[in-house]
Protein backbone atom coordinates (compact mmCIF):
# COMPACT_ATOMS: atom_id res chain seq x y z
CA MET A 1 2.83 -10.51 -6.41
CA ILE A 2 4.96 -11.88 -3.61
CA VAL A 3 5.44 -11.20 0.08
CA ARG A 4 8.81 -11.71 1.70
CA ARG A 5 10.69 -10.61 4.77
CA ALA A 6 12.55 -7.35 4.28
CA SER A 7 16.30 -7.16 4.75
CA LYS A 8 18.76 -4.31 5.17
CA GLU A 9 19.39 -4.46 1.43
CA ASP A 10 15.78 -3.31 0.92
CA LEU A 11 16.17 -0.17 3.03
CA ASN A 12 16.38 2.41 0.24
CA GLN A 13 13.20 1.31 -1.52
CA LEU A 14 11.43 0.51 1.75
CA ALA A 15 12.24 3.96 3.18
CA VAL A 16 10.45 5.61 0.25
CA LEU A 17 7.33 3.50 0.88
CA PHE A 18 7.57 4.08 4.64
CA ASP A 19 7.84 7.83 4.04
CA GLU A 20 4.70 7.63 1.87
CA TYR A 21 2.95 5.83 4.75
CA ARG A 22 4.00 8.51 7.22
CA GLN A 23 2.74 11.25 4.89
CA PHE A 24 -0.58 9.39 4.64
CA TYR A 25 -0.88 9.95 8.40
CA GLY A 26 -0.05 13.64 8.18
CA THR A 27 3.70 13.94 8.68
CA SER A 28 5.94 15.89 6.35
CA SER A 29 8.05 13.94 3.89
CA ASN A 30 11.47 13.07 5.30
CA ILE A 31 13.01 10.07 3.58
CA LYS A 32 16.25 10.39 5.55
CA GLU A 33 14.33 10.16 8.84
CA SER A 34 12.29 7.22 7.52
CA TYR A 35 15.47 5.48 6.37
CA ASN A 36 17.25 6.02 9.70
CA PHE A 37 14.24 4.82 11.69
CA LEU A 38 14.02 1.60 9.67
CA LYS A 39 17.80 1.12 9.73
CA GLN A 40 17.76 1.26 13.55
CA ARG A 41 14.99 -1.34 13.67
CA PHE A 42 17.10 -3.68 11.52
CA GLU A 43 20.38 -3.04 13.33
CA ASN A 44 18.83 -3.52 16.77
CA LYS A 45 16.66 -6.45 15.65
CA GLU A 46 13.63 -4.64 17.07
CA SER A 47 11.09 -5.45 14.38
CA VAL A 48 10.08 -7.82 11.64
CA ILE A 49 9.05 -6.26 8.34
CA PHE A 50 7.39 -8.03 5.44
CA ILE A 51 7.13 -6.37 2.05
CA HIS A 52 4.68 -6.89 -0.79
CA ILE A 53 6.29 -6.75 -4.22
CA LYS A 54 4.80 -6.57 -7.70
CA ASP A 55 7.08 -6.38 -10.75
CA GLN A 56 10.06 -5.46 -8.52
CA THR A 57 8.14 -2.52 -7.01
CA PHE A 58 7.46 -2.43 -3.28
CA THR A 59 3.70 -1.99 -3.02
CA GLY A 60 3.15 -2.44 0.71
CA PHE A 61 4.55 -3.55 4.03
CA VAL A 62 3.61 -4.81 7.46
CA LEU A 63 5.74 -4.02 10.50
CA LEU A 64 5.69 -6.17 13.65
CA TYR A 65 7.18 -5.52 17.06
CA GLN A 66 7.57 -8.25 19.65
CA GLY A 67 5.90 -7.87 23.02
CA PHE A 68 5.73 -10.10 26.05
CA SER A 69 2.90 -11.26 28.28
CA SER A 70 3.97 -11.68 31.90
CA VAL A 71 0.77 -13.50 32.84
CA ALA A 72 1.02 -16.01 29.98
CA CYS A 73 4.84 -16.16 30.10
CA SER A 74 4.78 -15.87 26.35
CA SER A 75 5.61 -13.51 23.53
CA TYR A 76 3.19 -11.86 21.13
CA TYR A 77 3.47 -9.47 18.22
CA ILE A 78 2.14 -5.97 17.79
CA LEU A 79 1.10 -5.28 14.23
CA ASP A 80 2.00 -1.62 14.38
CA ASP A 81 1.90 -0.67 10.72
CA VAL A 82 0.32 -2.10 7.60
CA TYR A 83 0.32 -0.05 4.44
CA VAL A 84 -0.41 -0.57 0.77
CA THR A 85 0.26 2.23 -1.69
CA PRO A 86 -3.09 3.56 -3.00
CA VAL A 87 -2.79 2.33 -6.60
CA PHE A 88 -2.44 -1.29 -5.36
CA ARG A 89 -5.28 -1.28 -2.82
CA ARG A 90 -8.33 -3.54 -3.04
CA GLN A 91 -6.25 -6.26 -4.75
CA GLY A 92 -5.60 -8.47 -1.71
CA SER A 93 -2.18 -7.05 -0.85
CA ALA A 94 -3.02 -6.14 2.76
CA LYS A 95 -4.54 -9.58 3.31
CA GLN A 96 -1.39 -11.25 1.93
CA LEU A 97 0.79 -9.15 4.21
CA ILE A 98 -1.30 -9.90 7.30
CA ASP A 99 -1.54 -13.62 6.41
CA THR A 100 2.25 -13.71 6.24
CA ALA A 101 2.53 -11.94 9.61
CA ILE A 102 0.13 -14.47 11.15
CA LEU A 103 2.07 -17.43 9.74
CA PHE A 104 5.32 -15.92 11.03
CA ALA A 105 3.89 -15.37 14.52
CA ARG A 106 2.46 -18.91 14.63
CA HIS A 107 5.81 -20.34 13.54
CA ASP A 108 7.44 -18.34 16.36
CA ASN A 109 4.92 -19.81 18.86
CA ALA A 110 3.60 -16.35 19.69
CA LEU A 111 0.50 -16.05 21.83
CA ARG A 112 -1.28 -13.56 19.54
CA ILE A 113 -1.00 -10.60 17.22
CA SER A 114 -2.45 -7.36 18.56
CA LEU A 115 -3.22 -4.20 16.62
CA GLU A 116 -4.92 -0.84 16.95
CA THR A 117 -6.69 1.11 14.24
CA GLN A 118 -8.69 4.29 14.02
CA LYS A 119 -12.39 3.85 14.76
CA ASN A 120 -13.33 5.27 11.36
CA ASN A 121 -11.01 2.93 9.39
CA TYR A 122 -13.99 0.81 8.32
CA HIS A 123 -12.35 -1.05 5.41
CA SER A 124 -9.43 -2.17 7.57
CA ILE A 125 -11.70 -3.10 10.48
CA GLU A 126 -13.78 -5.25 8.15
CA LEU A 127 -10.64 -6.98 6.84
CA TYR A 128 -9.24 -7.58 10.34
CA GLU A 129 -12.50 -9.12 11.54
CA LYS A 130 -12.75 -11.34 8.43
CA MET A 131 -9.21 -12.53 9.18
CA GLY A 132 -10.10 -13.56 12.74
CA PHE A 133 -9.09 -10.50 14.76
CA VAL A 134 -11.46 -9.91 17.66
CA LYS A 135 -12.30 -6.47 19.05
CA ASP A 136 -11.27 -6.14 22.68
CA THR A 137 -14.25 -5.20 24.82
CA GLU A 138 -12.64 -5.98 28.18
CA PHE A 139 -9.70 -3.59 28.35
CA GLN A 140 -9.32 0.16 27.98
CA THR A 141 -6.25 1.59 26.27
CA TYR A 142 -4.42 4.50 27.86
CA HIS A 143 -1.42 6.46 26.70
CA CYS A 144 1.03 8.67 28.55
CA PHE A 145 2.49 10.88 25.83
CA LEU A 146 6.06 11.97 26.51
CA LYS A 147 6.67 14.09 23.41
């Protein structure tokens, strides 16, 4: 099993996995929409995606977006999506993906990696805490939904 940075050449296979991820969270399957979304991220250089591969099959991915801290005058990364297809879970794939994201962010001199997860996502929360992520108890999160 390897983890490497995704490229535009990976879009077809990655779009299928991304569509599976979106269905996991309740959206209808739409590979074309998944493909176009990922293609825009590559073309506009708006994200960094790492893929987990076993026997030439994409088994998972992690998607990072860059953010900026005005106070610290530094950049950070938002770990917006991490997904491992169900048959490959509990084999260390998510940890490998997140380790790679952390190494990438450190190499880029980022301030931190931030993420959000559902309160009932106990397995992921346990993994994040084991990997050094700290729950924020100081700030509240608010959203202004526009769609």
